[in-house]
Amino acid sequence: MNEYIIYADSACDIKPEILKEWGVDFLPLTFRFSDSEKEYVDGEIDPREFYAKMREGAVAKTAAVNAERFTEEFDKILAAGKDLLYIGFSSGLSTTYNSGRLAAEQLREKYPDRKIFTVDSLSASAGFGLLLYLTVGMKNEGATIEEAAAFAEETRFHLCHWFTVDDLVYLKRGGRISPTLAFVGNALGIKPVLHMDDEGHLINMFKVRGRRSSVTALADKYGELALDKKGGTVFICHGDCDSDVEVLKQVLADRYGAEVKLVTYTGTVIGAHSGPGTLALFFVGEHR
């Protein structure tokens, strides 16, 4: 038997009930709206309500999980005699992974007979979720914790994250683009297409004119990079734009015979930075 637990955090944007089915435990990141001191757990607010608030002008501020919380939860697993593999939110975007890593280092001294591994996913949202899904699959096939950790470390560099946003104001707030470019881009209907690089940072790759062009551009990258265009596992997440999801799914099916395995909302913590109308495509490719 593989007596180890795969652990994650909520930046994977996979619903808690699905993570439970996969056998993955997790800790949630948190956020609050800038006009309130009330702190919300990631996923506490329905994503449709969250994005409606953002469209009305609400600004959300996010917070990472601290090392103390990880230590508390990891300790329960290790005390129960199980080993631990923590796969965390990209260190290029958050301090959450580092908190988990520090907790693991401390607990190795307390539990010298337990196996404790940490992997920086260098991924976010359902790209991070896809890495979890694939690693869980390895575990279910009998992989040891060492093999699962090695698989996750290798596979993360093949996890393609390609996405677009509908309103440039959210990238402007995050410092990804200048205020001038955000104003001009929105006025002209310019949509950026971005991806995540090998260091786990978001990179603005190119721009297209119009929403439909940005949606089909994601499918173009799938055709360019996907290792298994027809049979590969494909995830989509979105910031409350169901109709665009359907367009992307249809283009992938028509061009490549690809079937999307999972569609999920971009969670409240990730969505705080990308905004409503975010559309993202995740798959395994030759490279990122």
Protein backbone atom coordinates (compact mmCIF):
# COMPACT_ATOMS: atom_id res chain seq x y z
CA MET A 1 0.00 0.00 0.00
CA ASN A 2 1.05 3.60 -0.64
CA GLU A 3 0.66 5.11 2.81
CA TYR A 4 1.18 8.70 1.80
CA ILE A 5 -1.02 11.73 1.39
CA ILE A 6 -0.84 14.17 -1.50
CA TYR A 7 -1.44 17.65 -0.11
CA ALA A 8 -2.17 20.90 -1.97
CA ASP A 9 -3.64 24.37 -1.54
CA SER A 10 -6.72 26.02 -2.97
CA ALA A 11 -4.85 27.86 -5.74
CA CYS A 12 -5.36 24.67 -7.79
CA ASP A 13 -8.96 25.84 -8.41
CA ILE A 14 -10.36 22.31 -8.08
CA LYS A 15 -13.56 22.00 -6.06
CA PRO A 16 -13.08 20.52 -2.57
CA GLU A 17 -15.41 17.62 -3.33
CA ILE A 18 -13.33 16.68 -6.37
CA LEU A 19 -10.08 16.91 -4.41
CA LYS A 20 -11.68 14.62 -1.83
CA GLU A 21 -12.49 12.12 -4.59
CA TRP A 22 -8.86 12.27 -5.66
CA GLY A 23 -7.72 11.73 -2.07
CA VAL A 24 -6.01 15.12 -1.91
CA ASP A 25 -6.08 17.24 1.25
CA PHE A 26 -5.59 21.01 1.00
CA LEU A 27 -5.42 24.34 2.79
CA PRO A 28 -7.24 27.42 1.46
CA LEU A 29 -5.74 30.79 0.68
CA THR A 30 -7.79 33.79 1.79
CA PHE A 31 -8.95 37.16 0.48
CA ARG A 32 -10.88 40.23 1.47
CA PHE A 33 -12.46 43.08 -0.41
CA SER A 34 -10.54 46.33 -0.06
CA ASP A 35 -13.52 48.16 1.46
CA SER A 36 -13.90 45.59 4.27
CA GLU A 37 -11.84 43.92 6.97
CA LYS A 38 -13.79 40.67 6.67
CA GLU A 39 -11.59 37.81 5.52
CA TYR A 40 -12.99 35.10 3.29
CA VAL A 41 -11.65 31.62 2.68
CA ASP A 42 -11.01 30.85 -0.99
CA GLY A 43 -14.23 29.34 -2.31
CA GLU A 44 -16.41 30.66 0.52
CA ILE A 45 -18.24 32.98 -1.85
CA ASP A 46 -19.93 31.55 -4.93
CA PRO A 47 -17.71 32.50 -7.90
CA ARG A 48 -20.62 34.02 -9.81
CA GLU A 49 -21.31 36.34 -6.88
CA PHE A 50 -17.60 37.12 -6.59
CA TYR A 51 -17.24 38.07 -10.24
CA ALA A 52 -20.46 40.09 -10.13
CA LYS A 53 -18.91 42.14 -7.30
CA MET A 54 -15.75 42.63 -9.34
CA ARG A 55 -17.76 43.83 -12.33
CA GLU A 56 -19.36 46.37 -10.00
CA GLY A 57 -15.89 47.68 -9.09
CA ALA A 58 -14.94 45.63 -6.02
CA VAL A 59 -11.21 45.04 -5.52
CA ALA A 60 -10.08 41.86 -3.77
CA LYS A 61 -6.82 41.52 -1.84
CA THR A 62 -5.40 38.03 -1.36
CA ALA A 63 -3.27 36.38 1.31
CA ALA A 64 -1.02 33.32 1.27
CA VAL A 65 -1.18 30.42 3.73
CA ASN A 66 1.37 30.81 6.52
CA ALA A 67 3.84 28.18 7.72
CA GLU A 68 2.07 27.74 11.06
CA ARG A 69 -1.12 26.52 9.36
CA PHE A 70 0.83 24.08 7.23
CA THR A 71 2.72 22.81 10.27
CA GLU A 72 -0.52 22.23 12.12
CA GLU A 73 -2.12 20.24 9.30
CA PHE A 74 1.00 18.36 8.20
CA ASP A 75 1.60 17.28 11.79
CA LYS A 76 -1.78 15.52 11.92
CA ILE A 77 -0.91 13.43 8.86
CA LEU A 78 2.57 12.54 10.03
CA ALA A 79 1.40 11.74 13.57
CA ALA A 80 -1.07 9.28 12.03
CA GLY A 81 1.88 7.37 10.57
CA LYS A 82 1.51 8.50 6.96
CA ASP A 83 4.07 10.08 4.67
CA LEU A 84 3.44 13.39 2.93
CA LEU A 85 3.85 14.88 -0.55
CA TYR A 86 2.97 18.57 -0.68
CA ILE A 87 2.55 20.10 -4.14
CA GLY A 88 2.10 23.86 -3.89
CA PHE A 89 1.05 27.00 -5.72
CA SER A 90 3.81 28.49 -7.90
CA SER A 91 6.53 30.24 -5.91
CA GLY A 92 6.67 32.70 -8.81
CA LEU A 93 3.27 34.07 -7.77
CA SER A 94 2.88 33.45 -4.04
CA THR A 95 4.77 32.71 -0.82
CA THR A 96 2.37 29.83 -0.09
CA TYR A 97 4.68 27.10 -1.39
CA ASN A 98 7.58 28.45 0.65
CA SER A 99 5.39 28.33 3.77
CA GLY A 100 4.65 24.67 3.11
CA ARG A 101 8.31 23.96 2.45
CA LEU A 102 9.38 25.59 5.73
CA ALA A 103 6.75 23.60 7.62
CA ALA A 104 8.03 20.39 6.04
CA GLU A 105 11.62 21.20 7.00
CA GLN A 106 10.65 21.71 10.63
CA LEU A 107 8.62 18.52 10.78
CA ARG A 108 11.39 16.37 9.33
CA GLU A 109 13.21 16.87 12.61
CA LYS A 110 10.15 15.85 14.61
CA TYR A 111 9.36 12.84 12.42
CA PRO A 112 12.73 11.47 11.21
CA ASP A 113 11.14 8.15 10.18
CA ARG A 114 8.51 9.76 7.95
CA LYS A 115 9.00 10.62 4.28
CA ILE A 116 8.19 14.25 3.54
CA PHE A 117 8.48 15.71 0.04
CA THR A 118 7.56 19.13 -1.31
CA VAL A 119 7.21 20.13 -4.96
CA ASP A 120 6.84 23.67 -6.26
CA SER A 121 4.25 23.17 -8.99
CA LEU A 122 5.40 26.34 -10.80
CA SER A 123 1.74 26.31 -11.80
CA ALA A 124 -1.52 28.00 -10.92
CA SER A 125 -5.25 27.52 -11.15
CA ALA A 126 -6.40 24.43 -13.03
CA GLY A 127 -2.88 23.97 -14.44
CA PHE A 128 -1.83 23.25 -10.88
CA GLY A 129 -5.00 21.14 -10.66
CA LEU A 130 -4.00 19.16 -13.73
CA LEU A 131 -0.59 18.43 -12.21
CA LEU A 132 -2.35 17.12 -9.09
CA TYR A 133 -4.68 14.99 -11.20
CA LEU A 134 -1.83 13.40 -13.10
CA THR A 135 0.21 12.79 -9.94
CA VAL A 136 -2.77 11.21 -8.21
CA GLY A 137 -3.08 8.95 -11.24
CA MET A 138 0.51 7.81 -10.73
CA LYS A 139 -0.17 7.16 -7.05
CA ASN A 140 -3.25 5.11 -7.91
CA GLU A 141 -1.16 3.04 -10.31
CA GLY A 142 1.17 2.13 -7.46
CA ALA A 143 3.86 4.81 -7.59
CA THR A 144 5.86 5.24 -4.40
CA ILE A 145 6.05 8.68 -2.82
CA GLU A 146 9.54 9.10 -4.31
CA GLU A 147 8.25 8.20 -7.76
CA ALA A 148 5.22 10.48 -7.44
CA ALA A 149 7.37 13.42 -6.34
CA ALA A 150 9.81 12.85 -9.20
CA PHE A 151 6.92 12.60 -11.67
CA ALA A 152 5.44 15.89 -10.45
CA GLU A 153 8.81 17.65 -10.67
CA GLU A 154 9.35 16.48 -14.24
CA THR A 155 5.78 16.92 -15.49
CA ARG A 156 5.42 20.50 -14.22
CA PHE A 157 7.67 21.71 -17.05
CA HIS A 158 5.24 20.23 -19.57
CA LEU A 159 2.11 21.76 -18.02
CA CYS A 160 0.95 24.34 -20.56
CA HIS A 161 -0.98 27.33 -19.19
CA TRP A 162 -2.47 29.52 -21.91
CA PHE A 163 -5.04 32.12 -21.04
CA THR A 164 -6.63 35.42 -21.95
CA VAL A 165 -8.50 38.11 -20.04
CA ASP A 166 -11.44 40.23 -21.05
CA ASP A 167 -10.62 43.45 -19.18
CA LEU A 168 -7.07 44.75 -18.95
CA VAL A 169 -7.71 46.73 -15.76
CA TYR A 170 -6.96 43.67 -13.62
CA LEU A 171 -3.57 43.10 -15.24
CA LYS A 172 -2.88 46.80 -14.76
CA ARG A 173 -3.60 46.50 -11.02
CA GLY A 174 -1.20 43.60 -10.78
CA GLY A 175 1.54 45.55 -12.56
CA ARG A 176 1.49 43.29 -15.62
CA ILE A 177 0.75 46.14 -18.03
CA SER A 178 0.91 49.93 -17.88
CA PRO A 179 -2.16 52.09 -17.19
CA THR A 180 -1.81 53.61 -20.66
CA LEU A 181 -1.78 50.23 -22.37
CA ALA A 182 -4.77 49.09 -20.33
CA PHE A 183 -6.77 52.17 -21.33
CA VAL A 184 -5.84 52.03 -25.01
CA GLY A 185 -6.17 48.25 -25.16
CA ASN A 186 -9.68 48.25 -23.71
CA ALA A 187 -10.70 51.09 -26.02
CA LEU A 188 -9.46 49.20 -29.10
CA GLY A 189 -10.67 45.76 -28.02
CA ILE A 190 -7.12 44.40 -27.71
CA LYS A 191 -6.89 41.12 -25.80
CA PRO A 192 -3.63 39.72 -24.44
CA VAL A 193 -2.71 36.05 -24.60
CA LEU A 194 -0.51 34.98 -21.72
CA HIS A 195 1.18 31.86 -20.43
CA MET A 196 3.19 30.70 -17.43
CA ASP A 197 6.91 30.19 -17.91
CA ASP A 198 9.28 27.60 -16.44
CA GLU A 199 9.85 29.78 -13.38
CA GLY A 200 6.15 29.98 -12.61
CA HIS A 201 5.70 33.60 -13.70
CA LEU A 202 2.91 34.95 -15.88
CA ILE A 203 4.22 36.20 -19.20
CA ASN A 204 2.37 38.38 -21.70
CA MET A 205 3.08 36.60 -25.01
CA PHE A 206 1.12 38.45 -27.70
CA LYS A 207 -2.04 40.44 -28.35
CA VAL A 208 -4.97 39.99 -30.71
CA ARG A 209 -7.96 42.12 -31.65
CA GLY A 210 -11.30 40.96 -30.28
CA ARG A 211 -12.50 38.35 -27.82
CA ARG A 212 -13.21 35.62 -30.37
CA SER A 213 -9.67 35.90 -31.72
CA SER A 214 -8.21 35.52 -28.23
CA VAL A 215 -10.32 32.42 -27.59
CA THR A 216 -9.26 30.73 -30.81
CA ALA A 217 -5.64 31.74 -30.12
CA LEU A 218 -5.73 29.40 -27.11
CA ALA A 219 -6.77 26.57 -29.42
CA ASP A 220 -3.95 27.53 -31.78
CA LYS A 221 -1.41 27.04 -28.97
CA TYR A 222 -2.97 23.67 -28.17
CA GLY A 223 -2.43 22.58 -31.75
CA GLU A 224 1.14 23.84 -31.65
CA LEU A 225 2.21 22.30 -28.33
CA ALA A 226 -0.02 19.45 -27.15
CA LEU A 227 1.71 16.07 -26.95
CA ASP A 228 -1.48 14.09 -27.50
CA LYS A 229 -3.93 16.31 -29.33
CA LYS A 230 -6.81 13.85 -29.44
CA GLY A 231 -6.40 11.81 -26.28
CA GLY A 232 -4.60 14.13 -23.87
CA THR A 233 -6.16 15.39 -20.66
CA VAL A 234 -7.46 18.94 -21.05
CA PHE A 235 -8.74 21.28 -18.33
CA ILE A 236 -10.41 24.67 -18.77
CA CYS A 237 -11.11 27.28 -16.13
CA HIS A 238 -12.95 30.56 -16.49
CA GLY A 239 -13.97 33.72 -14.71
CA ASP A 240 -17.73 33.46 -15.27
CA CYS A 241 -17.75 33.30 -19.08
CA ASP A 242 -19.57 30.06 -19.89
CA SER A 243 -20.30 30.95 -23.51
CA ASP A 244 -16.59 31.41 -24.26
CA VAL A 245 -15.87 28.04 -22.65
CA GLU A 246 -18.33 26.42 -25.05
CA VAL A 247 -16.68 28.13 -28.03
CA LEU A 248 -13.24 26.92 -26.97
CA LYS A 249 -14.46 23.38 -26.33
CA GLN A 250 -16.06 23.26 -29.78
CA VAL A 251 -12.95 24.57 -31.55
CA LEU A 252 -10.78 21.98 -29.78
CA ALA A 253 -13.20 19.21 -30.72
CA ASP A 254 -13.59 20.31 -34.34
CA ARG A 255 -9.89 20.86 -35.02
CA TYR A 256 -8.25 18.10 -33.00
CA GLY A 257 -10.93 15.74 -31.73
CA ALA A 258 -9.95 16.82 -28.22
CA GLU A 259 -12.34 16.30 -25.33
CA VAL A 260 -12.17 18.59 -22.29
CA LYS A 261 -12.12 16.48 -19.13
CA LEU A 262 -12.82 19.21 -16.59
CA VAL A 263 -14.26 22.72 -16.64
CA THR A 264 -14.01 24.75 -13.45
CA TYR A 265 -14.30 28.33 -12.27
CA THR A 266 -11.17 30.36 -11.77
CA GLY A 267 -11.22 30.55 -7.98
CA THR A 268 -11.65 33.70 -5.95
CA VAL A 269 -7.96 34.07 -5.06
CA ILE A 270 -6.67 33.61 -8.62
CA GLY A 271 -9.64 35.52 -10.01
CA ALA A 272 -8.86 38.50 -7.80
CA HIS A 273 -5.82 39.09 -10.03
CA SER A 274 -7.18 38.04 -13.43
CA GLY A 275 -10.74 39.33 -13.19
CA PRO A 276 -14.08 38.29 -14.70
CA GLY A 277 -13.85 37.00 -18.23
CA THR A 278 -10.60 35.13 -17.69
CA LEU A 279 -10.41 32.04 -19.91
CA ALA A 280 -7.60 29.51 -19.49
CA LEU A 281 -6.61 26.28 -21.22
CA PHE A 282 -4.35 23.66 -19.60
CA PHE A 283 -2.78 20.58 -21.15
CA VAL A 284 0.44 18.55 -21.32
CA GLY A 285 2.77 19.80 -24.04
CA GLU A 286 6.23 19.35 -25.46
CA HIS A 287 7.20 22.30 -23.28
CA ARG A 288 5.41 25.18 -21.66
